[in-house]
Every structure is written in structure tokens, then in C-alpha cells.
């Protein structure tokens, strides 16, 4: 042990040239290994030697440093305001799109208040956009204002044209605002609407779709009060409503009213009337209706022919019933 220590503690010159070279090689290898390890384990030398940014406590106070937070805050505020304005703009557009009827109402109201007649296209657009009772309420409000404006400023006493009035009634039926639709059938109204039988047919068609005999009676009552003439098409709808609702009493009542009014019923109306009479087993009504039918319709249909055959059976006359069936079989 002492000998080894003695050799290690001896100066390099005493070791000889070979020992010195060996030691140098060993040292260089060790240094190369350490350098490689440092390159793998430690960050690059440039990053270690780069000066770290000064802390806020030691950062020099300059005009740029003072203005930067203010400018950044102002930019953020401007972006926030711009976002808010953009959002509000789109929200307003969406609101207008959701309520087109109210938007048109406001536009026409401003035009009337400025003593300028709004374009007809606005009114037509408002009528087409009505989808509920609130929309119809706004429509009738603007119609009344336009009526007053036409009288006071333009000296126009005539009502709106019949096409527009029919569209108004159609909108009422579509939106389910039947009370306003009935107002449109009155001859004297404050809305400038001209009542027509065509407008009444829209309401009757709605009553047929809803199987609403009460609405049908109201429409016929309003037509009678305002002296609007009944038409064959009116009878077609009324008879269909009564048949579908299984109301023979109503069909008999209105059938007589149409005949007294001199309405020439269509073949389809007679078919419904006679078929219903046969359905309830009223042979006397079958013959009375057939007599009326013969004045305007020459040939039998299947519905009217079978009704007559059933009437003969009800009267216990099977021969006549068989003759009617034979006639129907031979007819083209």
C-alpha cells in the first residue's frame, strides 16, 4: 500500500515518459466523456450563457414601458366594444327575421305618420307573413290606419280591391283568427275591406277542415246579415260539412234556404243531399230532393240512383228499386 502511494505521489517526471503519456490519454478520455455527458444532460451553452431578462424590479423605466399597458388595455376595450356591437347587430337582424309582420307594421306606421302612403308591396308582404292571432291583430290595425289616411289625405273613399280582401280573409283562416275573418265579411267596416262570397268560402273551407259546424253557421249568418248572395259553391261546402258532421237537421235547414234563394245546386250537392236522406231512411225527402234535382240534372249518378232505389225499398216497392238498378247498369 505504501509503495502504491509513493508511486502516485511522485512527480510526473519521475514516472517517465510512458507513464506521463498514459496519464494524459486517460485524462483526455475522461474530459471527453464528461463533455459528452454535459451535452446530453445539460442545456446548450449559449442558452446558459445568455443573459436573463431583467426583473420588473430592476427593469429601466421608459416611456415605452409606461405606454404599453395602456395601449394593450385600449386595444382589448376596442375589441370588446366591437364584439358587443357586432353581437347586437346580429341579434337585431335575428329579431327582425323572427317577427317580419311586426317589422312591416312599424315601417308602414312610420310612413303613415310621415304622411306618405306606403307601397302596396309592403301590405301584401305583411299579409303573407301573418302566422298567428297577434299578427292578424297588427294587420287590422294598420288597415284601419291606412283607411283613415286614404280618406283624410288622399280623398279616396273606395275600399281596397277584392283580391287584397280575399288574401286578408285567407290569412285569418290560416292563422286561426276567425273572429277577424268574420269582421272582413261585414259590408260596413272601418278597415276598408270589401266583403265577397269568395272570402266567405275561405272561412267555410276552414270550418270543413276543422269539422266545425258552429263556424259554418256563423259564416252563413254573417252572409245573410250583409246581404251577400249565396252561390252553388257555397252549398257544396255547407252540404259537405253537414254530411261529415252527421247533421241531417242542418243539411235539411240549409238545403231549403239555398232552394228559396234560387241557388242552382251542383250535381255533387244533390248527390250528398239524397245520399244523406237515404242514410237516415227518409224516403219522402229522397223523392222531394229528386224532384228538385230533375229540374237541372237530367241523368242519374250512382249516388242519386242508389238513393232512389233505397227509397223504393223503404216504401216497400222492390220492383221500382230493381228497375232503378237496371237503369244504372245500362247507363254509360
Protein backbone atom coordinates (compact mmCIF):
# COMPACT_ATOMS: atom_id res chain seq x y z
CA UNK A 1 0.00 0.00 0.00
CA UNK A 2 2.78 2.37 0.91
CA UNK A 3 4.53 1.54 -2.34
CA UNK A 4 1.45 2.44 -4.36
CA UNK A 5 1.02 5.74 -2.54
CA UNK A 6 4.64 6.51 -3.09
CA UNK A 7 4.26 5.94 -6.81
CA UNK A 8 1.16 8.10 -7.03
CA UNK A 9 2.70 10.95 -5.07
CA UNK A 10 5.81 11.03 -7.15
CA UNK A 11 6.06 13.89 -9.62
CA UNK A 12 5.28 13.17 -13.26
CA UNK A 13 8.92 13.47 -14.27
CA UNK A 14 9.83 10.55 -12.08
CA UNK A 15 7.29 8.33 -13.75
CA UNK A 16 8.93 8.51 -17.08
CA UNK A 17 7.65 9.46 -20.45
CA UNK A 18 5.39 6.41 -20.93
CA UNK A 19 3.61 6.90 -17.67
CA UNK A 20 3.09 10.56 -18.47
CA UNK A 21 1.64 9.79 -21.87
CA UNK A 22 -0.70 7.20 -20.39
CA UNK A 23 -1.91 9.67 -17.78
CA UNK A 24 -2.51 12.33 -20.40
CA UNK A 25 -4.53 9.94 -22.54
CA UNK A 26 -6.59 8.85 -19.57
CA UNK A 27 -7.28 12.45 -18.62
CA UNK A 28 -8.28 13.44 -22.14
CA UNK A 29 -10.65 10.47 -22.37
CA UNK A 30 -12.25 11.43 -19.08
CA UNK A 31 -12.64 15.03 -20.20
CA UNK A 32 -14.23 13.92 -23.50
CA UNK A 33 -16.69 11.70 -21.64
CA UNK A 34 -17.64 14.50 -19.30
CA UNK A 35 -18.13 16.85 -22.23
CA UNK A 36 -20.39 14.34 -24.00
CA UNK A 37 -22.40 13.78 -20.84
CA UNK A 38 -22.79 17.51 -20.36
CA UNK A 39 -24.05 17.89 -23.91
CA UNK A 40 -26.67 15.19 -23.30
CA UNK A 41 -27.76 16.21 -19.83
CA UNK A 42 -27.29 19.99 -19.76
CA UNK A 43 -28.87 22.71 -21.94
CA UNK A 44 -26.76 24.31 -24.65
CA UNK A 45 -24.01 26.54 -23.54
CA UNK A 46 -25.45 29.54 -25.41
CA UNK A 47 -28.70 29.29 -23.54
CA UNK A 48 -26.86 29.05 -20.22
CA UNK A 49 -24.62 31.93 -21.02
CA UNK A 50 -27.46 34.13 -22.41
CA UNK A 51 -28.28 36.93 -20.00
CA UNK A 52 -31.60 36.53 -18.22
CA UNK A 53 -34.17 39.29 -18.72
CA UNK A 54 -34.15 41.86 -16.01
CA UNK A 55 -36.83 41.51 -13.40
CA UNK A 56 -39.59 44.05 -13.07
CA UNK A 57 -37.84 45.44 -10.02
CA UNK A 58 -34.65 46.25 -11.96
CA UNK A 59 -36.23 46.99 -15.42
CA UNK A 60 -35.48 50.52 -16.51
CA UNK A 61 -38.45 52.85 -16.58
CA UNK A 62 -39.02 54.18 -20.12
CA UNK A 63 -41.86 55.88 -21.98
CA UNK A 64 -42.45 52.72 -23.99
CA UNK A 65 -42.85 50.64 -20.83
CA UNK A 66 -45.34 53.14 -19.45
CA UNK A 67 -47.46 53.29 -22.63
CA UNK A 68 -47.51 49.56 -23.43
CA UNK A 69 -50.06 48.51 -20.74
CA UNK A 70 -52.31 51.44 -21.64
CA UNK A 71 -52.23 50.64 -25.35
CA UNK A 72 -52.89 46.95 -24.69
CA UNK A 73 -55.82 47.79 -22.43
CA UNK A 74 -57.24 50.17 -25.03
CA UNK A 75 -56.97 47.50 -27.73
CA UNK A 76 -58.78 44.99 -25.55
CA UNK A 77 -61.51 47.54 -24.84
CA UNK A 78 -61.93 48.31 -28.54
CA UNK A 79 -62.17 44.61 -29.35
CA UNK A 80 -64.76 44.14 -26.62
CA UNK A 81 -66.84 47.07 -27.88
CA UNK A 82 -66.56 45.83 -31.48
CA UNK A 83 -67.68 42.35 -30.41
CA UNK A 84 -70.59 43.82 -28.47
CA UNK A 85 -71.70 45.97 -31.41
CA UNK A 86 -71.41 43.05 -33.82
CA UNK A 87 -73.37 40.79 -31.50
CA UNK A 88 -76.06 43.43 -31.05
CA UNK A 89 -76.27 43.94 -34.81
CA UNK A 90 -76.77 40.25 -35.49
CA UNK A 91 -79.24 39.99 -32.61
CA UNK A 92 -81.30 42.82 -34.10
CA UNK A 93 -81.28 41.18 -37.52
CA UNK A 94 -82.34 37.86 -36.00
CA UNK A 95 -85.13 39.60 -34.10
CA UNK A 96 -86.40 41.23 -37.30
CA UNK A 97 -86.27 37.91 -39.09
CA UNK A 98 -88.27 36.31 -36.28
CA UNK A 99 -91.01 38.99 -36.43
CA UNK A 100 -91.45 40.05 -40.08
CA UNK A 101 -95.07 41.10 -39.53
CA UNK A 102 -94.18 43.48 -36.73
CA UNK A 103 -91.30 44.88 -38.79
CA UNK A 104 -93.62 45.63 -41.71
CA UNK A 105 -96.16 47.15 -39.34
CA UNK A 106 -93.57 49.56 -37.94
CA UNK A 107 -92.37 50.54 -41.43
CA UNK A 108 -95.89 51.30 -42.65
CA UNK A 109 -96.78 53.11 -39.42
CA UNK A 110 -93.77 55.43 -39.80
CA UNK A 111 -94.75 56.06 -43.40
CA UNK A 112 -98.31 56.98 -42.44
CA UNK A 113 -97.08 59.23 -39.62
CA UNK A 114 -94.87 60.97 -42.18
CA UNK A 115 -98.00 61.47 -44.32
CA UNK A 116 -96.68 59.22 -47.07
CA UNK A 117 -98.66 56.32 -48.49
CA UNK A 118 -96.61 53.13 -48.06
CA UNK A 119 -96.05 50.91 -51.11
CA UNK A 120 -98.68 48.25 -51.75
CA UNK A 121 -95.94 45.62 -51.73
CA UNK A 122 -95.41 46.22 -48.02
CA UNK A 123 -99.04 45.48 -47.24
CA UNK A 124 -99.03 42.32 -49.38
CA UNK A 125 -95.83 41.18 -47.70
CA UNK A 126 -97.35 41.73 -44.27
CA UNK A 127 -100.45 39.73 -45.20
CA UNK A 128 -98.32 36.81 -46.42
CA UNK A 129 -96.22 36.82 -43.23
CA UNK A 130 -99.16 36.59 -40.81
CA UNK A 131 -98.99 33.31 -38.89
CA UNK A 132 -100.84 33.88 -35.59
CA UNK A 133 -103.55 35.98 -33.98
CA UNK A 134 -101.13 38.71 -32.88
CA UNK A 135 -100.00 39.16 -36.48
CA UNK A 136 -103.62 39.42 -37.65
CA UNK A 137 -104.30 41.99 -34.93
CA UNK A 138 -101.43 44.15 -36.22
CA UNK A 139 -102.69 43.68 -39.78
CA UNK A 140 -106.15 45.00 -38.96
CA UNK A 141 -104.68 47.90 -37.00
CA UNK A 142 -102.62 49.05 -39.97
CA UNK A 143 -105.58 48.51 -42.32
CA UNK A 144 -107.65 50.87 -40.20
CA UNK A 145 -104.86 53.48 -40.18
CA UNK A 146 -104.45 53.17 -43.94
CA UNK A 147 -108.20 53.56 -44.38
CA UNK A 148 -108.18 56.82 -42.41
CA UNK A 149 -105.09 58.05 -44.26
CA UNK A 150 -106.68 57.37 -47.66
CA UNK A 151 -109.80 59.29 -46.67
CA UNK A 152 -108.16 62.28 -44.99
CA UNK A 153 -105.04 62.80 -47.10
CA UNK A 154 -105.74 61.21 -50.46
CA UNK A 155 -109.51 61.75 -50.57
CA UNK A 156 -110.01 58.10 -51.58
CA UNK A 157 -113.29 56.75 -50.25
CA UNK A 158 -113.20 53.41 -52.08
CA UNK A 159 -112.28 50.23 -50.28
CA UNK A 160 -109.25 48.10 -51.07
CA UNK A 161 -109.59 45.82 -54.08
CA UNK A 162 -111.30 42.46 -53.73
CA UNK A 163 -108.13 40.44 -54.30
CA UNK A 164 -106.47 42.00 -51.27
CA UNK A 165 -109.61 41.42 -49.20
CA UNK A 166 -109.65 37.73 -50.11
CA UNK A 167 -105.99 37.47 -49.12
CA UNK A 168 -106.80 39.06 -45.75
CA UNK A 169 -109.55 36.51 -45.11
CA UNK A 170 -107.27 33.69 -46.20
CA UNK A 171 -104.63 34.91 -43.74
CA UNK A 172 -107.25 34.97 -40.96
CA UNK A 173 -108.22 31.37 -41.67
CA UNK A 174 -104.56 30.32 -41.87
CA UNK A 175 -103.71 31.98 -38.56
CA UNK A 176 -106.84 30.73 -36.80
CA UNK A 177 -108.09 34.29 -36.17
CA UNK A 178 -111.67 33.51 -37.16
CA UNK A 179 -113.20 36.47 -35.32
CA UNK A 180 -111.20 38.84 -37.53
CA UNK A 181 -112.15 36.84 -40.60
CA UNK A 182 -115.83 37.33 -39.78
CA UNK A 183 -115.21 41.09 -39.43
CA UNK A 184 -113.96 41.07 -43.01
CA UNK A 185 -117.41 39.88 -44.18
CA UNK A 186 -119.27 42.92 -42.88
CA UNK A 187 -120.27 45.41 -45.56
CA UNK A 188 -119.69 48.43 -43.33
CA UNK A 189 -116.32 48.16 -41.61
CA UNK A 190 -113.54 50.56 -40.62
CA UNK A 191 -110.81 48.56 -42.36
CA UNK A 192 -111.61 49.33 -45.99
CA UNK A 193 -112.27 45.65 -46.70
CA UNK A 194 -114.78 44.70 -49.38
CA UNK A 195 -116.64 41.53 -48.34
CA UNK A 196 -117.10 38.90 -51.05
CA UNK A 197 -118.54 35.41 -51.21
CA UNK A 198 -115.08 34.21 -52.16
CA UNK A 199 -113.77 35.46 -48.81
CA UNK A 200 -116.58 33.58 -47.07
CA UNK A 201 -115.58 30.39 -48.87
CA UNK A 202 -112.13 30.52 -47.26
CA UNK A 203 -113.74 30.54 -43.83
CA UNK A 204 -116.17 27.78 -44.79
CA UNK A 205 -113.32 25.67 -46.11
CA UNK A 206 -111.54 26.16 -42.79
CA UNK A 207 -114.73 25.05 -41.00
CA UNK A 208 -114.81 21.94 -43.20
CA UNK A 209 -111.21 21.07 -42.37
CA UNK A 210 -111.91 21.51 -38.66
CA UNK A 211 -115.35 19.82 -38.88
CA UNK A 212 -116.72 22.94 -37.19
CA UNK A 213 -120.48 23.31 -37.75
CA UNK A 214 -120.64 26.26 -35.36
CA UNK A 215 -118.28 28.30 -37.52
CA UNK A 216 -120.27 27.30 -40.59
CA UNK A 217 -123.47 28.63 -39.01
CA UNK A 218 -121.72 31.89 -38.04
CA UNK A 219 -120.47 32.43 -41.58
CA UNK A 220 -123.92 31.80 -43.10
CA UNK A 221 -125.45 34.16 -40.52
CA UNK A 222 -122.99 36.95 -41.38
CA UNK A 223 -123.62 36.43 -45.10
CA UNK A 224 -127.34 36.78 -44.51
CA UNK A 225 -126.95 39.91 -42.35
CA UNK A 226 -124.81 41.62 -45.01
CA UNK A 227 -126.94 40.55 -47.97
CA UNK A 228 -124.14 38.62 -49.64
CA UNK A 229 -125.64 36.27 -52.27
CA UNK A 230 -125.29 32.53 -51.77
CA UNK A 231 -123.57 30.60 -54.56
CA UNK A 232 -123.64 26.95 -55.73
CA UNK A 233 -120.08 26.59 -54.43
CA UNK A 234 -121.28 27.74 -51.02
CA UNK A 235 -123.84 24.92 -50.97
CA UNK A 236 -121.18 22.37 -51.92
CA UNK A 237 -119.07 23.27 -48.88
CA UNK A 238 -122.02 23.60 -46.48
CA UNK A 239 -123.53 20.25 -47.52
CA UNK A 240 -120.15 18.54 -47.12
CA UNK A 241 -119.73 19.95 -43.61
CA UNK A 242 -123.19 18.78 -42.57
CA UNK A 243 -122.65 15.31 -44.06
CA UNK A 244 -119.24 14.83 -42.43
CA UNK A 245 -120.60 16.00 -39.07
CA UNK A 246 -123.64 13.72 -39.42
CA UNK A 247 -126.02 16.67 -39.02
CA UNK A 248 -129.10 15.86 -41.09
CA UNK A 249 -131.04 18.62 -39.36
CA UNK A 250 -128.58 21.27 -40.52
CA UNK A 251 -128.43 19.91 -44.06
CA UNK A 252 -132.23 19.98 -44.33
CA UNK A 253 -132.34 23.52 -42.93
CA UNK A 254 -129.71 25.00 -45.23
CA UNK A 255 -130.86 22.94 -48.22
CA UNK A 256 -134.25 24.63 -48.06
CA UNK A 257 -132.58 28.03 -47.62
CA UNK A 258 -130.49 27.56 -50.75
CA UNK A 259 -133.53 26.48 -52.75
CA UNK A 260 -135.55 29.50 -51.57
CA UNK A 261 -132.64 31.78 -52.51
CA UNK A 262 -132.85 30.41 -56.06
CA UNK A 263 -129.41 28.83 -56.00
CA UNK A 264 -128.92 26.24 -58.75
CA UNK A 265 -127.26 23.41 -56.90
CA UNK A 266 -124.49 21.39 -58.48
CA UNK A 267 -124.89 17.69 -59.15
CA UNK A 268 -122.48 16.94 -56.30
CA UNK A 269 -124.68 18.86 -53.85
CA UNK A 270 -127.76 16.87 -54.88
CA UNK A 271 -125.79 13.62 -54.51
CA UNK A 272 -124.79 14.50 -50.96
CA UNK A 273 -128.31 15.58 -50.06
CA UNK A 274 -130.02 12.49 -51.46
CA UNK A 275 -127.41 10.10 -50.08
CA UNK A 276 -127.84 11.58 -46.61
CA UNK A 277 -131.64 11.27 -46.88
CA UNK A 278 -131.26 7.60 -47.80
CA UNK A 279 -128.78 7.14 -44.96
CA UNK A 280 -131.28 8.39 -42.37
CA UNK A 281 -134.13 6.47 -44.02
CA UNK A 282 -136.27 9.49 -45.01
CA UNK A 283 -137.95 8.34 -48.20
CA UNK A 284 -140.15 11.43 -48.51
CA UNK A 285 -137.09 13.68 -48.53
CA UNK A 286 -135.49 11.43 -51.17
CA UNK A 287 -138.40 11.98 -53.58
CA UNK A 288 -138.60 15.70 -52.88
CA UNK A 289 -134.89 16.19 -53.48
CA UNK A 290 -135.03 14.01 -56.60
CA UNK A 291 -137.80 16.19 -57.95
CA UNK A 292 -135.64 19.29 -57.44
CA UNK A 293 -132.68 17.52 -58.99
CA UNK A 294 -134.65 16.61 -62.10
CA UNK A 295 -135.18 20.31 -62.91
CA UNK A 296 -131.48 20.93 -63.53
CA UNK A 297 -129.86 17.49 -63.86
CA UNK A 298 -131.19 15.02 -66.42
CA UNK A 299 -129.18 11.87 -65.72
CA UNK A 300 -128.77 9.87 -62.56
CA UNK A 301 -125.47 9.37 -60.86
CA UNK A 302 -124.62 6.31 -58.80
CA UNK A 303 -125.30 8.23 -55.59
CA UNK A 304 -128.68 9.60 -56.67
CA UNK A 305 -129.70 6.32 -58.36
CA UNK A 306 -128.93 4.17 -55.32
CA UNK A 307 -130.72 6.71 -53.11
CA UNK A 308 -133.85 6.32 -55.23
CA UNK A 309 -133.53 2.53 -55.12
CA UNK A 310 -133.27 2.65 -51.35
CA UNK A 311 -136.28 4.97 -51.22
CA UNK A 312 -138.29 2.41 -53.17
CA UNK A 313 -137.25 -0.31 -50.74
CA UNK A 314 -138.23 1.91 -47.81
CA UNK A 315 -141.64 2.31 -49.45
CA UNK A 316 -141.78 -1.48 -49.92
CA UNK A 317 -141.61 -1.28 -53.68
CA UNK A 318 -138.80 -3.63 -54.70
CA UNK A 319 -139.85 -3.62 -58.38
CA UNK A 320 -139.05 0.08 -58.72
CA UNK A 321 -135.78 -0.48 -56.87
CA UNK A 322 -134.82 -3.24 -59.31
CA UNK A 323 -135.77 -1.06 -62.27
CA UNK A 324 -133.53 1.74 -60.98
CA UNK A 325 -130.60 -0.64 -60.54
CA UNK A 326 -131.15 -1.93 -64.09
CA UNK A 327 -131.21 1.66 -65.39
CA UNK A 328 -127.93 2.44 -63.65
CA UNK A 329 -126.39 -0.72 -65.08
CA UNK A 330 -127.31 0.26 -68.64
CA UNK A 331 -126.29 3.90 -68.33
CA UNK A 332 -122.78 4.71 -69.66
